[in-house]
Amino acid sequence: MYLTAEIKKDIFRKHSFAKKAEDTGSPEAQIALFTHRISHLTEHLKKNKKDYSTQQGLMRLVGKRKKLLNYLQKTDIDRYRAVLADLDLRK
């Protein structure tokens, strides 16, 4: 897959909310990974408009990210706002 361990560590280092480079379990880290994958799949779908299986996978990823964002909003609003600002997301 295109998402290697080095790319994941780079994503975690790039965003300030990761506690350490190996932090893969926190909601912030998972949202960052989902956002990276969503942008990659969006670019793929711009070139391949009839790739419906990828489109379905993209919709699943968007749903998972939305659920994590809702969870983070309910539990800790400050962390939620930090994630939105850091990843340039809007809700």
C-alpha atoms as a PDB file:
ATOM      1  CA  MET A   1       0.000   0.000   0.000  1.00  0.00           C
ATOM      2  CA  TYR A   2       1.118   3.569  -0.558  1.00  0.00           C
ATOM      3  CA  LEU A   3       1.008   4.413   3.162  1.00  0.00           C
ATOM      4  CA  THR A   4       4.315   3.170   4.570  1.00  0.00           C
ATOM      5  CA  ALA A   5       5.586   3.479   8.123  1.00  0.00           C
ATOM      6  CA  GLU A   6       7.794   6.426   7.152  1.00  0.00           C
ATOM      7  CA  ILE A   7       4.852   8.320   5.661  1.00  0.00           C
ATOM      8  CA  LYS A   8       2.783   7.698   8.801  1.00  0.00           C
ATOM      9  CA  LYS A   9       5.579   8.971  11.045  1.00  0.00           C
ATOM     10  CA  ASP A  10       5.924  12.030   8.840  1.00  0.00           C
ATOM     11  CA  ILE A  11       2.189  12.723   9.134  1.00  0.00           C
ATOM     12  CA  PHE A  12       2.379  12.429  12.928  1.00  0.00           C
ATOM     13  CA  ARG A  13       5.425  14.709  13.099  1.00  0.00           C
ATOM     14  CA  LYS A  14       3.813  17.273  10.828  1.00  0.00           C
ATOM     15  CA  HIS A  15       0.805  17.720  13.099  1.00  0.00           C
ATOM     16  CA  SER A  16       1.396  19.153  16.523  1.00  0.00           C
ATOM     17  CA  PHE A  17      -1.235  17.126  18.395  1.00  0.00           C
ATOM     18  CA  ALA A  18       0.586  13.772  18.141  1.00  0.00           C
ATOM     19  CA  LYS A  19       2.120  12.867  21.466  1.00  0.00           C
ATOM     20  CA  LYS A  20       4.952  10.888  19.835  1.00  0.00           C
ATOM     21  CA  ALA A  21       5.848   9.593  16.379  1.00  0.00           C
ATOM     22  CA  GLU A  22       4.385   6.128  17.086  1.00  0.00           C
ATOM     23  CA  ASP A  23       1.050   7.485  18.338  1.00  0.00           C
ATOM     24  CA  THR A  24      -1.444   5.663  16.122  1.00  0.00           C
ATOM     25  CA  GLY A  25      -4.292   5.092  18.569  1.00  0.00           C
ATOM     26  CA  SER A  26      -5.376   8.583  19.485  1.00  0.00           C
ATOM     27  CA  PRO A  27      -8.385  10.024  17.655  1.00  0.00           C
ATOM     28  CA  GLU A  28      -6.290  12.947  16.410  1.00  0.00           C
ATOM     29  CA  ALA A  29      -3.752  10.626  14.789  1.00  0.00           C
ATOM     30  CA  GLN A  30      -6.449   8.493  13.198  1.00  0.00           C
ATOM     31  CA  ILE A  31      -8.211  11.570  11.842  1.00  0.00           C
ATOM     32  CA  ALA A  32      -4.927  12.768  10.341  1.00  0.00           C
ATOM     33  CA  LEU A  33      -4.375   9.401   8.649  1.00  0.00           C
ATOM     34  CA  PHE A  34      -7.942   9.303   7.353  1.00  0.00           C
ATOM     35  CA  THR A  35      -7.563  12.834   5.987  1.00  0.00           C
ATOM     36  CA  HIS A  36      -4.380  11.856   4.151  1.00  0.00           C
ATOM     37  CA  ARG A  37      -6.040   8.776   2.666  1.00  0.00           C
ATOM     38  CA  ILE A  38      -9.162  10.752   1.706  1.00  0.00           C
ATOM     39  CA  SER A  39      -7.119  13.327  -0.185  1.00  0.00           C
ATOM     40  CA  HIS A  40      -5.212  10.545  -1.969  1.00  0.00           C
ATOM     41  CA  LEU A  41      -8.413   8.767  -3.005  1.00  0.00           C
ATOM     42  CA  THR A  42     -10.014  12.030  -4.116  1.00  0.00           C
ATOM     43  CA  GLU A  43      -7.119  12.657  -6.490  1.00  0.00           C
ATOM     44  CA  HIS A  44      -7.446   9.100  -7.803  1.00  0.00           C
ATOM     45  CA  LEU A  45     -11.165   9.542  -8.433  1.00  0.00           C
ATOM     46  CA  LYS A  46     -10.602  12.768 -10.360  1.00  0.00           C
ATOM     47  CA  LYS A  47      -8.657  10.717 -12.918  1.00  0.00           C
ATOM     48  CA  ASN A  48     -10.791   7.553 -12.754  1.00  0.00           C
ATOM     49  CA  LYS A  49     -14.389   8.675 -12.583  1.00  0.00           C
ATOM     50  CA  LYS A  50     -15.937   5.221 -12.997  1.00  0.00           C
ATOM     51  CA  ASP A  51     -13.964   3.498 -10.239  1.00  0.00           C
ATOM     52  CA  TYR A  52     -16.997   2.784  -8.073  1.00  0.00           C
ATOM     53  CA  SER A  53     -15.276   0.466  -5.597  1.00  0.00           C
ATOM     54  CA  THR A  54     -12.798   3.213  -4.721  1.00  0.00           C
ATOM     55  CA  GLN A  55     -15.684   5.646  -4.447  1.00  0.00           C
ATOM     56  CA  GLN A  56     -17.383   3.330  -1.964  1.00  0.00           C
ATOM     57  CA  GLY A  57     -14.161   3.040   0.055  1.00  0.00           C
ATOM     58  CA  LEU A  58     -13.845   6.814   0.072  1.00  0.00           C
ATOM     59  CA  MET A  59     -17.364   7.197   1.442  1.00  0.00           C
ATOM     60  CA  ARG A  60     -16.550   4.705   4.219  1.00  0.00           C
ATOM     61  CA  LEU A  61     -13.416   6.646   5.163  1.00  0.00           C
ATOM     62  CA  VAL A  62     -15.348   9.909   5.252  1.00  0.00           C
ATOM     63  CA  GLY A  63     -17.917   8.273   7.543  1.00  0.00           C
ATOM     64  CA  LYS A  64     -15.243   6.923   9.891  1.00  0.00           C
ATOM     65  CA  ARG A  65     -13.560  10.321  10.075  1.00  0.00           C
ATOM     66  CA  LYS A  66     -16.909  11.979  10.788  1.00  0.00           C
ATOM     67  CA  LYS A  67     -17.604   9.526  13.627  1.00  0.00           C
ATOM     68  CA  LEU A  68     -14.190  10.202  15.161  1.00  0.00           C
ATOM     69  CA  LEU A  69     -14.708  13.951  14.872  1.00  0.00           C
ATOM     70  CA  ASN A  70     -18.108  13.656  16.563  1.00  0.00           C
ATOM     71  CA  TYR A  71     -16.548  11.579  19.354  1.00  0.00           C
ATOM     72  CA  LEU A  72     -13.778  14.116  19.838  1.00  0.00           C
ATOM     73  CA  GLN A  73     -16.283  16.975  19.862  1.00  0.00           C
ATOM     74  CA  LYS A  74     -18.304  15.299  22.610  1.00  0.00           C
ATOM     75  CA  THR A  75     -15.345  14.360  24.800  1.00  0.00           C
ATOM     76  CA  ASP A  76     -12.904  17.276  24.461  1.00  0.00           C
ATOM     77  CA  ILE A  77     -13.912  20.371  22.508  1.00  0.00           C
ATOM     78  CA  ASP A  78     -10.446  21.971  22.723  1.00  0.00           C
ATOM     79  CA  ARG A  79      -8.754  18.984  21.077  1.00  0.00           C
ATOM     80  CA  TYR A  80     -11.534  18.946  18.470  1.00  0.00           C
ATOM     81  CA  ARG A  81     -10.946  22.583  17.572  1.00  0.00           C
ATOM     82  CA  ALA A  82      -7.185  22.014  17.446  1.00  0.00           C
ATOM     83  CA  VAL A  83      -7.651  19.144  14.983  1.00  0.00           C
ATOM     84  CA  LEU A  84      -9.955  21.196  12.764  1.00  0.00           C
ATOM     85  CA  ALA A  85      -7.510  24.089  12.718  1.00  0.00           C
ATOM     86  CA  ASP A  86      -4.443  21.910  12.160  1.00  0.00           C
ATOM     87  CA  LEU A  87      -5.897  19.839   9.322  1.00  0.00           C
ATOM     88  CA  ASP A  88      -7.828  22.738   7.736  1.00  0.00           C
ATOM     89  CA  LEU A  89     -11.123  20.900   8.041  1.00  0.00           C
ATOM     90  CA  ARG A  90     -14.533  22.476   8.299  1.00  0.00           C
ATOM     91  CA  LYS A  91     -17.655  21.013   9.746  1.00  0.00           C
END
